[in-house]
C-alpha cells in the first residue's frame, strides 16, 4: 500500500499543475471577446461599403436603362399628319405607339419632387374634331426617374441662313429637329445623350 501512495499523489500533482485557474480562464475569455468584436466590426464595415457600392451600381444601371428607353421611344416615333413634337428646355412631347395605340408622350422635370415625370395621353383624347391638339394633360403623371437634380433638353437643326447646325432650347416648328440632346443630372453624375430623329 505504501508503494502506490506516492504515485497517486504524483498523479494528483500533475493534474493540478496542468489545469487553468479561474483568473486565467477569465483573461482568455476577455481576449477572445476583444478579438471577436474587432473581427466582427471589420467585416460589418466592409459589408456596409460593399452594399453601398452595389447600390451605386444599381442606381447607375437604372438611370442608364431609363435613358435608353427614352432614346428608343424618340427614335421609334411614328410619322403623324399632325405634328405632335414640341420641345422646351425641361419638357418634351412627341408621338409614340404604346400598346398598339397612338399616344402623345410627355417627359418633364418636376422641381418639387426632384423627379422626371412621364405622361401618356391617348391621341383620341387630346385631338379635337378640327385637329387641334390640347396642350393640357389628360392622364396622370407617373415618376419616370426619381432623385434627379436637373433635366435639360436641346434641339439640333440646320440654319439655312448660316449654313450650319445650331442647338436651341425650344422647338415649336411643324417638323422634327435633326436631333434631341438631353442631359440628366443627379447628385453624383451627369448623363448626356444625343438622339438623331427619323426623317418624315
Protein backbone atom coordinates (compact mmCIF):
# COMPACT_ATOMS: atom_id res chain seq x y z
CA UNK A 1 0.00 0.00 0.00
CA UNK A 2 2.81 2.38 0.78
CA UNK A 3 4.31 1.69 -2.60
CA UNK A 4 1.25 3.02 -4.55
CA UNK A 5 0.61 6.10 -2.44
CA UNK A 6 3.44 8.31 -3.86
CA UNK A 7 2.39 7.56 -7.45
CA UNK A 8 -1.21 8.51 -6.67
CA UNK A 9 -0.07 11.77 -5.13
CA UNK A 10 2.18 12.47 -8.08
CA UNK A 11 -0.73 11.95 -10.43
CA UNK A 12 -2.81 14.43 -8.44
CA UNK A 13 0.03 16.92 -8.59
CA UNK A 14 0.29 16.57 -12.33
CA UNK A 15 -3.43 17.09 -12.75
CA UNK A 16 -3.50 20.13 -10.51
CA UNK A 17 -0.48 21.66 -12.23
CA UNK A 18 -1.91 21.30 -15.80
CA UNK A 19 -5.37 22.80 -15.06
CA UNK A 20 -6.37 26.50 -15.68
CA UNK A 21 -7.14 28.77 -12.79
CA UNK A 22 -10.28 30.89 -12.80
CA UNK A 23 -8.28 34.08 -13.39
CA UNK A 24 -6.52 32.58 -16.42
CA UNK A 25 -9.85 31.44 -17.83
CA UNK A 26 -11.39 34.92 -17.42
CA UNK A 27 -8.39 36.54 -19.12
CA UNK A 28 -8.65 34.09 -22.05
CA UNK A 29 -12.38 34.79 -22.45
CA UNK A 30 -11.75 38.56 -22.34
CA UNK A 31 -9.04 38.36 -25.03
CA UNK A 32 -11.25 36.14 -27.22
CA UNK A 33 -14.14 38.62 -26.85
CA UNK A 34 -11.98 41.60 -27.84
CA UNK A 35 -10.61 39.79 -30.90
CA UNK A 36 -14.11 38.62 -31.92
CA UNK A 37 -15.51 42.16 -31.67
CA UNK A 38 -12.64 43.54 -33.74
CA UNK A 39 -13.15 40.92 -36.45
CA UNK A 40 -16.93 41.47 -36.48
CA UNK A 41 -16.60 45.26 -36.76
CA UNK A 42 -14.11 44.89 -39.61
CA UNK A 43 -16.38 42.56 -41.56
CA UNK A 44 -19.53 44.59 -40.88
CA UNK A 45 -17.90 47.84 -42.07
CA UNK A 46 -16.63 46.04 -45.18
CA UNK A 47 -20.10 44.65 -45.84
CA UNK A 48 -21.54 48.17 -45.49
CA UNK A 49 -19.09 49.56 -48.05
CA UNK A 50 -19.86 46.68 -50.43
CA UNK A 51 -23.59 47.28 -50.05
CA UNK A 52 -23.17 50.99 -50.84
CA UNK A 53 -21.10 50.13 -53.91
CA UNK A 54 -23.75 47.68 -55.11
CA UNK A 55 -26.50 50.27 -54.58
CA UNK A 56 -24.48 52.85 -56.53
CA UNK A 57 -24.05 50.44 -59.41
CA UNK A 58 -27.76 49.59 -59.36
CA UNK A 59 -28.68 53.28 -59.35
CA UNK A 60 -26.42 53.94 -62.33
CA UNK A 61 -27.83 50.94 -64.19
CA UNK A 62 -31.39 52.10 -63.54
CA UNK A 63 -30.62 55.56 -64.93
CA UNK A 64 -28.92 54.11 -67.99
CA UNK A 65 -31.94 51.87 -68.65
CA UNK A 66 -34.30 54.86 -68.42
CA UNK A 67 -32.07 56.88 -70.74
CA UNK A 68 -32.12 54.03 -73.24
CA UNK A 69 -35.91 53.76 -73.02
CA UNK A 70 -36.41 57.46 -73.71
CA UNK A 71 -33.90 57.31 -76.59
CA UNK A 72 -35.66 54.31 -78.13
CA UNK A 73 -39.08 55.98 -77.91
CA UNK A 74 -37.71 59.09 -79.62
CA UNK A 75 -36.14 57.08 -82.43
CA UNK A 76 -39.29 54.98 -82.99
CA UNK A 77 -41.85 57.79 -83.00
CA UNK A 78 -44.29 57.32 -85.87
CA UNK A 79 -44.92 59.79 -88.64
CA UNK A 80 -48.09 61.79 -87.87
CA UNK A 81 -50.17 64.05 -90.09
CA UNK A 82 -50.46 66.41 -87.14
CA UNK A 83 -47.09 67.27 -85.67
CA UNK A 84 -47.02 66.25 -82.01
CA UNK A 85 -43.39 67.08 -81.35
CA UNK A 86 -42.91 70.11 -79.10
CA UNK A 87 -39.87 70.84 -77.03
CA UNK A 88 -38.92 73.13 -74.20
CA UNK A 89 -35.85 73.36 -72.01
CA UNK A 90 -37.20 70.95 -69.36
CA UNK A 91 -40.16 69.39 -71.18
CA UNK A 92 -40.55 67.25 -74.30
CA UNK A 93 -43.65 65.87 -76.03
CA UNK A 94 -43.79 63.56 -79.05
CA UNK A 95 -45.90 60.85 -80.67
CA UNK A 96 -45.46 57.19 -79.83
CA UNK A 97 -47.14 53.81 -80.19
CA UNK A 98 -47.99 52.22 -76.85
CA UNK A 99 -49.98 49.00 -76.55
CA UNK A 100 -50.78 49.21 -80.30
CA UNK A 101 -52.44 52.61 -79.83
CA UNK A 102 -51.16 56.10 -80.73
CA UNK A 103 -50.17 58.25 -77.77
CA UNK A 104 -48.52 61.55 -77.01
CA UNK A 105 -45.71 61.00 -74.52
CA UNK A 106 -44.51 63.90 -72.40
CA UNK A 107 -41.39 63.93 -70.26
CA UNK A 108 -40.71 66.83 -67.94
CA UNK A 109 -38.70 67.75 -64.87
CA UNK A 110 -40.85 68.19 -61.76
CA UNK A 111 -39.00 70.55 -59.40
CA UNK A 112 -41.00 69.90 -56.18
CA UNK A 113 -40.31 66.15 -56.28
CA UNK A 114 -36.88 66.28 -57.98
CA UNK A 115 -38.03 63.67 -60.48
CA UNK A 116 -38.55 63.20 -64.18
CA UNK A 117 -42.23 62.52 -64.79
CA UNK A 118 -43.92 60.86 -67.76
CA UNK A 119 -47.43 61.38 -69.09
CA UNK A 120 -49.02 59.14 -71.74
CA UNK A 121 -52.12 60.70 -73.35
CA UNK A 122 -54.18 58.84 -75.94
CA UNK A 123 -54.45 60.82 -79.16
CA UNK A 124 -58.22 60.46 -79.38
CA UNK A 125 -58.48 62.26 -76.01
CA UNK A 126 -56.24 65.23 -76.84
CA UNK A 127 -57.10 65.96 -80.51
CA UNK A 128 -60.38 67.74 -81.30
CA UNK A 129 -62.52 67.14 -84.39
CA UNK A 130 -60.96 70.16 -86.08
CA UNK A 131 -57.46 68.75 -85.48
CA UNK A 132 -56.44 71.00 -82.59
CA UNK A 133 -54.12 69.36 -80.09
CA UNK A 134 -54.89 70.09 -76.44
CA UNK A 135 -51.68 71.02 -74.64
CA UNK A 136 -53.09 70.00 -71.24
CA UNK A 137 -52.53 66.59 -69.71
CA UNK A 138 -55.43 64.15 -69.79
CA UNK A 139 -53.66 61.35 -67.91
CA UNK A 140 -51.92 61.22 -64.56
CA UNK A 141 -48.19 61.84 -64.46
CA UNK A 142 -46.06 58.98 -63.17
CA UNK A 143 -42.50 59.16 -61.87
CA UNK A 144 -40.15 58.03 -64.62
CA UNK A 145 -36.88 58.64 -62.77
CA UNK A 146 -36.59 59.79 -59.13
CA UNK A 147 -33.75 61.63 -57.35
CA UNK A 148 -32.82 63.85 -60.29
CA UNK A 149 -31.45 67.36 -59.72
CA UNK A 150 -31.86 68.70 -63.26
CA UNK A 151 -33.06 67.84 -66.77
CA UNK A 152 -32.28 69.85 -69.90
CA UNK A 153 -33.36 69.29 -73.49
CA UNK A 154 -31.85 70.96 -76.57
CA UNK A 155 -32.71 70.59 -80.25
CA UNK A 156 -30.47 70.46 -83.32
CA UNK A 157 -31.47 71.98 -86.65
CA UNK A 158 -29.84 73.21 -89.84
CA UNK A 159 -29.80 77.00 -90.03
CA UNK A 160 -30.13 77.68 -93.77
CA UNK A 161 -29.05 81.32 -93.44
CA UNK A 162 -25.80 80.45 -91.66
CA UNK A 163 -25.48 77.09 -93.41
CA UNK A 164 -24.59 75.50 -90.07
CA UNK A 165 -26.18 73.28 -87.47
CA UNK A 166 -27.42 75.06 -84.35
CA UNK A 167 -28.68 73.93 -80.94
CA UNK A 168 -31.73 75.66 -79.46
CA UNK A 169 -33.55 75.26 -76.13
CA UNK A 170 -37.10 75.30 -77.57
CA UNK A 171 -38.77 73.68 -80.55
CA UNK A 172 -42.19 74.77 -81.81
CA UNK A 173 -41.76 74.06 -85.54
CA UNK A 174 -44.13 71.86 -87.55
CA UNK A 175 -41.31 69.46 -88.46
CA UNK A 176 -38.89 67.39 -86.43
CA UNK A 177 -35.45 68.67 -85.44
CA UNK A 178 -32.38 66.79 -86.62
CA UNK A 179 -31.61 65.53 -83.11
CA UNK A 180 -32.52 65.88 -79.45
CA UNK A 181 -29.92 66.12 -76.73
CA UNK A 182 -30.91 65.59 -73.11
CA UNK A 183 -28.78 65.90 -70.02
CA UNK A 184 -29.92 64.22 -66.81
CA UNK A 185 -28.10 65.42 -63.71
CA UNK A 186 -28.06 63.53 -60.42
CA UNK A 187 -26.23 64.31 -57.20
CA UNK A 188 -23.21 62.31 -58.34
CA UNK A 189 -23.12 62.31 -62.13
CA UNK A 190 -24.36 63.74 -65.43
CA UNK A 191 -25.80 61.59 -68.21
CA UNK A 192 -25.77 63.19 -71.66
CA UNK A 193 -27.33 61.56 -74.72
CA UNK A 194 -27.93 62.73 -78.27
CA UNK A 195 -30.70 61.02 -80.26
CA UNK A 196 -30.95 61.52 -84.02
CA UNK A 197 -34.58 61.52 -85.08
CA UNK A 198 -36.15 59.78 -88.09
CA UNK A 199 -36.91 61.97 -91.05
CA UNK A 200 -40.57 62.13 -92.08
